[in-house]
Amino acid sequence: MLDLSVLPRKAQDELLDFYQFLVERYGIKGRKSISSKKVQVNIDAFFDKYNIDLKGFTFNRDEIYE
């Protein structure tokens, strides 16, 4: 899972705002919820591939312009 506590408060707020945007845009409003356990397991397995540990990662904005 994501550990937002390592980010400055402003970055945390931006991520939460973006998450809320995604929920409103792609949420399952009006759709049937996932009732099949197998389907849920497959979805979880798919997204688990993209959980990356970014502890110790530093982003140097100046490097992208070099």
PDB file of N, CA and C in Angstrom:
ATOM      1  N   MET A   1       0.822  -1.175   0.000  1.00  0.00           N
ATOM      2  CA  MET A   1       0.000   0.000   0.000  1.00  0.00           C
ATOM      3  C   MET A   1       0.870   1.244   0.000  1.00  0.00           C
ATOM      4  N   LEU A   2       0.281   2.336  -0.317  1.00  0.00           N
ATOM      5  CA  LEU A   2       0.996   3.604  -0.355  1.00  0.00           C
ATOM      6  C   LEU A   2       1.117   4.187   1.046  1.00  0.00           C
ATOM      7  N   ASP A   3       2.292   4.707   1.356  1.00  0.00           N
ATOM      8  CA  ASP A   3       2.515   5.359   2.638  1.00  0.00           C
ATOM      9  C   ASP A   3       2.601   6.858   2.395  1.00  0.00           C
ATOM     10  N   LEU A   4       1.467   7.538   2.505  1.00  0.00           N
ATOM     11  CA  LEU A   4       1.420   8.973   2.228  1.00  0.00           C
ATOM     12  C   LEU A   4       2.101   9.798   3.296  1.00  0.00           C
ATOM     13  N   SER A   5       2.352   9.219   4.446  1.00  0.00           N
ATOM     14  CA  SER A   5       2.932   9.994   5.543  1.00  0.00           C
ATOM     15  C   SER A   5       4.368  10.438   5.259  1.00  0.00           C
ATOM     16  N   VAL A   6       5.019   9.822   4.266  1.00  0.00           N
ATOM     17  CA  VAL A   6       6.387  10.218   3.937  1.00  0.00           C
ATOM     18  C   VAL A   6       6.413  11.478   3.065  1.00  0.00           C
ATOM     19  N   LEU A   7       5.260  11.909   2.592  1.00  0.00           N
ATOM     20  CA  LEU A   7       5.179  13.076   1.724  1.00  0.00           C
ATOM     21  C   LEU A   7       4.819  14.332   2.508  1.00  0.00           C
ATOM     22  N   PRO A   8       5.206  15.495   1.992  1.00  0.00           N
ATOM     23  CA  PRO A   8       4.771  16.742   2.607  1.00  0.00           C
ATOM     24  C   PRO A   8       3.248  16.862   2.536  1.00  0.00           C
ATOM     25  N   ARG A   9       2.672  17.639   3.407  1.00  0.00           N
ATOM     26  CA  ARG A   9       1.214  17.765   3.511  1.00  0.00           C
ATOM     27  C   ARG A   9       0.585  18.185   2.182  1.00  0.00           C
ATOM     28  N   LYS A  10       1.229  19.108   1.467  1.00  0.00           N
ATOM     29  CA  LYS A  10       0.677  19.578   0.194  1.00  0.00           C
ATOM     30  C   LYS A  10       0.600  18.434  -0.819  1.00  0.00           C
ATOM     31  N   ALA A  11       1.629  17.613  -0.882  1.00  0.00           N
ATOM     32  CA  ALA A  11       1.642  16.475  -1.800  1.00  0.00           C
ATOM     33  C   ALA A  11       0.564  15.464  -1.406  1.00  0.00           C
ATOM     34  N   GLN A  12       0.385  15.243  -0.108  1.00  0.00           N
ATOM     35  CA  GLN A  12      -0.660  14.330   0.359  1.00  0.00           C
ATOM     36  C   GLN A  12      -2.032  14.834  -0.092  1.00  0.00           C
ATOM     37  N   ASP A  13      -2.261  16.137   0.063  1.00  0.00           N
ATOM     38  CA  ASP A  13      -3.542  16.719  -0.340  1.00  0.00           C
ATOM     39  C   ASP A  13      -3.778  16.578  -1.842  1.00  0.00           C
ATOM     40  N   GLU A  14      -2.711  16.774  -2.635  1.00  0.00           N
ATOM     41  CA  GLU A  14      -2.838  16.635  -4.083  1.00  0.00           C
ATOM     42  C   GLU A  14      -3.195  15.203  -4.465  1.00  0.00           C
ATOM     43  N   LEU A  15      -2.558  14.239  -3.818  1.00  0.00           N
ATOM     44  CA  LEU A  15      -2.859  12.839  -4.111  1.00  0.00           C
ATOM     45  C   LEU A  15      -4.289  12.482  -3.702  1.00  0.00           C
ATOM     46  N   LEU A  16      -4.727  12.983  -2.568  1.00  0.00           N
ATOM     47  CA  LEU A  16      -6.094  12.700  -2.130  1.00  0.00           C
ATOM     48  C   LEU A  16      -7.111  13.336  -3.066  1.00  0.00           C
ATOM     49  N   ASP A  17      -6.817  14.554  -3.545  1.00  0.00           N
ATOM     50  CA  ASP A  17      -7.708  15.196  -4.514  1.00  0.00           C
ATOM     51  C   ASP A  17      -7.777  14.390  -5.807  1.00  0.00           C
ATOM     52  N   PHE A  18      -6.621  13.915  -6.278  1.00  0.00           N
ATOM     53  CA  PHE A  18      -6.586  13.127  -7.506  1.00  0.00           C
ATOM     54  C   PHE A  18      -7.335  11.810  -7.320  1.00  0.00           C
ATOM     55  N   TYR A  19      -7.162  11.185  -6.161  1.00  0.00           N
ATOM     56  CA  TYR A  19      -7.888   9.941  -5.864  1.00  0.00           C
ATOM     57  C   TYR A  19      -9.400  10.190  -5.908  1.00  0.00           C
ATOM     58  N   GLN A  20      -9.839  11.276  -5.294  1.00  0.00           N
ATOM     59  CA  GLN A  20     -11.274  11.592  -5.292  1.00  0.00           C
ATOM     60  C   GLN A  20     -11.773  11.802  -6.720  1.00  0.00           C
ATOM     61  N   PHE A  21     -10.978  12.468  -7.543  1.00  0.00           N
ATOM     62  CA  PHE A  21     -11.322  12.654  -8.952  1.00  0.00           C
ATOM     63  C   PHE A  21     -11.510  11.301  -9.644  1.00  0.00           C
ATOM     64  N   LEU A  22     -10.568  10.381  -9.417  1.00  0.00           N
ATOM     65  CA  LEU A  22     -10.663   9.063 -10.047  1.00  0.00           C
ATOM     66  C   LEU A  22     -11.885   8.292  -9.564  1.00  0.00           C
ATOM     67  N   VAL A  23     -12.184   8.395  -8.279  1.00  0.00           N
ATOM     68  CA  VAL A  23     -13.364   7.711  -7.733  1.00  0.00           C
ATOM     69  C   VAL A  23     -14.628   8.244  -8.401  1.00  0.00           C
ATOM     70  N   GLU A  24     -14.710   9.561  -8.546  1.00  0.00           N
ATOM     71  CA  GLU A  24     -15.894  10.146  -9.162  1.00  0.00           C
ATOM     72  C   GLU A  24     -15.982   9.806 -10.652  1.00  0.00           C
ATOM     73  N   ARG A  25     -14.843   9.735 -11.301  1.00  0.00           N
ATOM     74  CA  ARG A  25     -14.837   9.466 -12.740  1.00  0.00           C
ATOM     75  C   ARG A  25     -15.039   7.991 -13.067  1.00  0.00           C
ATOM     76  N   TYR A  26     -14.356   7.123 -12.339  1.00  0.00           N
ATOM     77  CA  TYR A  26     -14.369   5.704 -12.667  1.00  0.00           C
ATOM     78  C   TYR A  26     -15.069   4.832 -11.629  1.00  0.00           C
ATOM     79  N   GLY A  27     -15.625   5.442 -10.611  1.00  0.00           N
ATOM     80  CA  GLY A  27     -16.277   4.680  -9.553  1.00  0.00           C
ATOM     81  C   GLY A  27     -17.382   3.804 -10.095  1.00  0.00           C
ATOM     82  N   ILE A  28     -17.834   2.891  -9.285  1.00  0.00           N
ATOM     83  CA  ILE A  28     -18.833   1.921  -9.740  1.00  0.00           C
ATOM     84  C   ILE A  28     -20.247   2.376  -9.413  1.00  0.00           C
ATOM     85  N   LYS A  29     -20.499   3.671  -9.520  1.00  0.00           N
ATOM     86  CA  LYS A  29     -21.839   4.197  -9.291  1.00  0.00           C
ATOM     87  C   LYS A  29     -22.810   3.583 -10.298  1.00  0.00           C
ATOM     88  N   GLY A  30     -23.866   3.069  -9.811  1.00  0.00           N
ATOM     89  CA  GLY A  30     -24.883   2.533 -10.691  1.00  0.00           C
ATOM     90  C   GLY A  30     -24.551   1.175 -11.289  1.00  0.00           C
ATOM     91  N   ARG A  31     -23.333   0.713 -11.123  1.00  0.00           N
ATOM     92  CA  ARG A  31     -22.953  -0.599 -11.644  1.00  0.00           C
ATOM     93  C   ARG A  31     -23.070  -1.626 -10.532  1.00  0.00           C
ATOM     94  N   LYS A  32     -23.183  -2.863 -10.930  1.00  0.00           N
ATOM     95  CA  LYS A  32     -23.223  -3.926  -9.935  1.00  0.00           C
ATOM     96  C   LYS A  32     -21.857  -4.052  -9.288  1.00  0.00           C
ATOM     97  N   SER A  33     -21.841  -4.282  -7.999  1.00  0.00           N
ATOM     98  CA  SER A  33     -20.564  -4.502  -7.325  1.00  0.00           C
ATOM     99  C   SER A  33     -20.041  -5.888  -7.691  1.00  0.00           C
ATOM    100  N   ILE A  34     -18.761  -6.065  -7.499  1.00  0.00           N
ATOM    101  CA  ILE A  34     -18.132  -7.341  -7.841  1.00  0.00           C
ATOM    102  C   ILE A  34     -18.587  -8.388  -6.827  1.00  0.00           C
ATOM    103  N   SER A  35     -19.336  -9.366  -7.309  1.00  0.00           N
ATOM    104  CA  SER A  35     -19.863 -10.369  -6.394  1.00  0.00           C
ATOM    105  C   SER A  35     -19.036 -11.645  -6.402  1.00  0.00           C
ATOM    106  N   SER A  36     -18.293 -11.861  -7.462  1.00  0.00           N
ATOM    107  CA  SER A  36     -17.520 -13.080  -7.575  1.00  0.00           C
ATOM    108  C   SER A  36     -16.180 -12.930  -6.857  1.00  0.00           C
ATOM    109  N   LYS A  37     -15.905 -13.823  -5.939  1.00  0.00           N
ATOM    110  CA  LYS A  37     -14.634 -13.809  -5.210  1.00  0.00           C
ATOM    111  C   LYS A  37     -13.472 -14.021  -6.166  1.00  0.00           C
ATOM    112  N   LYS A  38     -13.653 -14.885  -7.160  1.00  0.00           N
ATOM    113  CA  LYS A  38     -12.584 -15.171  -8.124  1.00  0.00           C
ATOM    114  C   LYS A  38     -12.244 -13.927  -8.931  1.00  0.00           C
ATOM    115  N   VAL A  39     -13.251 -13.176  -9.323  1.00  0.00           N
ATOM    116  CA  VAL A  39     -13.017 -11.943 -10.078  1.00  0.00           C
ATOM    117  C   VAL A  39     -12.239 -10.951  -9.211  1.00  0.00           C
ATOM    118  N   GLN A  40     -12.630 -10.818  -7.951  1.00  0.00           N
ATOM    119  CA  GLN A  40     -11.942  -9.896  -7.045  1.00  0.00           C
ATOM    120  C   GLN A  40     -10.492 -10.312  -6.852  1.00  0.00           C
ATOM    121  N   VAL A  41     -10.239 -11.607  -6.718  1.00  0.00           N
ATOM    122  CA  VAL A  41      -8.865 -12.101  -6.566  1.00  0.00           C
ATOM    123  C   VAL A  41      -8.051 -11.777  -7.808  1.00  0.00           C
ATOM    124  N   ASN A  42      -8.630 -11.950  -8.990  1.00  0.00           N
ATOM    125  CA  ASN A  42      -7.929 -11.630 -10.236  1.00  0.00           C
ATOM    126  C   ASN A  42      -7.616 -10.138 -10.339  1.00  0.00           C
ATOM    127  N   ILE A  43      -8.548  -9.315  -9.940  1.00  0.00           N
ATOM    128  CA  ILE A  43      -8.321  -7.869  -9.972  1.00  0.00           C
ATOM    129  C   ILE A  43      -7.216  -7.491  -8.997  1.00  0.00           C
ATOM    130  N   ASP A  44      -7.271  -8.020  -7.794  1.00  0.00           N
ATOM    131  CA  ASP A  44      -6.238  -7.737  -6.793  1.00  0.00           C
ATOM    132  C   ASP A  44      -4.868  -8.192  -7.267  1.00  0.00           C
ATOM    133  N   ALA A  45      -4.796  -9.369  -7.884  1.00  0.00           N
ATOM    134  CA  ALA A  45      -3.522  -9.888  -8.385  1.00  0.00           C
ATOM    135  C   ALA A  45      -2.964  -8.987  -9.479  1.00  0.00           C
ATOM    136  N   PHE A  46      -3.835  -8.473 -10.337  1.00  0.00           N
ATOM    137  CA  PHE A  46      -3.390  -7.577 -11.403  1.00  0.00           C
ATOM    138  C   PHE A  46      -2.755  -6.318 -10.826  1.00  0.00           C
ATOM    139  N   PHE A  47      -3.415  -5.684  -9.872  1.00  0.00           N
ATOM    140  CA  PHE A  47      -2.909  -4.433  -9.327  1.00  0.00           C
ATOM    141  C   PHE A  47      -1.733  -4.633  -8.386  1.00  0.00           C
ATOM    142  N   ASP A  48      -1.598  -5.816  -7.804  1.00  0.00           N
ATOM    143  CA  ASP A  48      -0.449  -6.088  -6.938  1.00  0.00           C
ATOM    144  C   ASP A  48       0.864  -5.991  -7.704  1.00  0.00           C
ATOM    145  N   LYS A  49       0.837  -6.255  -9.006  1.00  0.00           N
ATOM    146  CA  LYS A  49       2.053  -6.149  -9.817  1.00  0.00           C
ATOM    147  C   LYS A  49       2.584  -4.730  -9.856  1.00  0.00           C
ATOM    148  N   TYR A  50       1.720  -3.750  -9.640  1.00  0.00           N
ATOM    149  CA  TYR A  50       2.103  -2.353  -9.792  1.00  0.00           C
ATOM    150  C   TYR A  50       2.373  -1.649  -8.461  1.00  0.00           C
ATOM    151  N   ASN A  51       2.316  -2.382  -7.362  1.00  0.00           N
ATOM    152  CA  ASN A  51       2.672  -1.811  -6.067  1.00  0.00           C
ATOM    153  C   ASN A  51       4.189  -1.825  -5.946  1.00  0.00           C
ATOM    154  N   ILE A  52       4.787  -0.665  -5.984  1.00  0.00           N
ATOM    155  CA  ILE A  52       6.240  -0.542  -5.984  1.00  0.00           C
ATOM    156  C   ILE A  52       6.668   0.172  -4.717  1.00  0.00           C
ATOM    157  N   ASP A  53       7.707  -0.341  -4.096  1.00  0.00           N
ATOM    158  CA  ASP A  53       8.249   0.286  -2.895  1.00  0.00           C
ATOM    159  C   ASP A  53       9.159   1.440  -3.317  1.00  0.00           C
ATOM    160  N   LEU A  54       8.754   2.655  -3.029  1.00  0.00           N
ATOM    161  CA  LEU A  54       9.518   3.840  -3.427  1.00  0.00           C
ATOM    162  C   LEU A  54      10.270   4.462  -2.261  1.00  0.00           C
ATOM    163  N   LYS A  55      10.435   3.714  -1.174  1.00  0.00           N
ATOM    164  CA  LYS A  55      11.196   4.235  -0.042  1.00  0.00           C
ATOM    165  C   LYS A  55      12.627   4.477  -0.498  1.00  0.00           C
ATOM    166  N   GLY A  56      13.172   5.604  -0.159  1.00  0.00           N
ATOM    167  CA  GLY A  56      14.529   5.936  -0.536  1.00  0.00           C
ATOM    168  C   GLY A  56      14.635   6.578  -1.913  1.00  0.00           C
ATOM    169  N   PHE A  57      13.532   6.654  -2.664  1.00  0.00           N
ATOM    170  CA  PHE A  57      13.557   7.288  -3.967  1.00  0.00           C
ATOM    171  C   PHE A  57      13.606   8.797  -3.804  1.00  0.00           C
ATOM    172  N   THR A  58      14.464   9.429  -4.562  1.00  0.00           N
ATOM    173  CA  THR A  58      14.511  10.897  -4.565  1.00  0.00           C
ATOM    174  C   THR A  58      14.305  11.374  -5.993  1.00  0.00           C
ATOM    175  N   PHE A  59      13.600  12.442  -6.131  1.00  0.00           N
ATOM    176  CA  PHE A  59      13.315  13.023  -7.434  1.00  0.00           C
ATOM    177  C   PHE A  59      14.004  14.363  -7.516  1.00  0.00           C
ATOM    178  N   ASN A  60      14.898  14.497  -8.470  1.00  0.00           N
ATOM    179  CA  ASN A  60      15.610  15.747  -8.666  1.00  0.00           C
ATOM    180  C   ASN A  60      15.034  16.398  -9.924  1.00  0.00           C
ATOM    181  N   ARG A  61      14.220  17.409  -9.723  1.00  0.00           N
ATOM    182  CA  ARG A  61      13.544  18.069 -10.835  1.00  0.00           C
ATOM    183  C   ARG A  61      14.547  18.645 -11.839  1.00  0.00           C
ATOM    184  N   ASP A  62      15.731  19.096 -11.360  1.00  0.00           N
ATOM    185  CA  ASP A  62      16.717  19.684 -12.257  1.00  0.00           C
ATOM    186  C   ASP A  62      17.295  18.651 -13.222  1.00  0.00           C
ATOM    187  N   GLU A  63      17.352  17.389 -12.788  1.00  0.00           N
ATOM    188  CA  GLU A  63      17.899  16.339 -13.656  1.00  0.00           C
ATOM    189  C   GLU A  63      17.060  16.099 -14.906  1.00  0.00           C
ATOM    190  N   ILE A  64      15.765  16.301 -14.822  1.00  0.00           N
ATOM    191  CA  ILE A  64      14.913  16.021 -15.991  1.00  0.00           C
ATOM    192  C   ILE A  64      15.137  17.026 -17.104  1.00  0.00           C
ATOM    193  N   TYR A  65      15.710  18.163 -16.777  1.00  0.00           N
ATOM    194  CA  TYR A  65      15.925  19.185 -17.795  1.00  0.00           C
ATOM    195  C   TYR A  65      17.331  19.111 -18.393  1.00  0.00           C
ATOM    196  N   GLU A  66      18.182  18.230 -17.879  1.00  0.00           N
ATOM    197  CA  GLU A  66      19.539  18.111 -18.416  1.00  0.00           C
ATOM    198  C   GLU A  66      19.587  17.215 -19.621  1.00  0.00           C
TER     199      GLU A  66
END
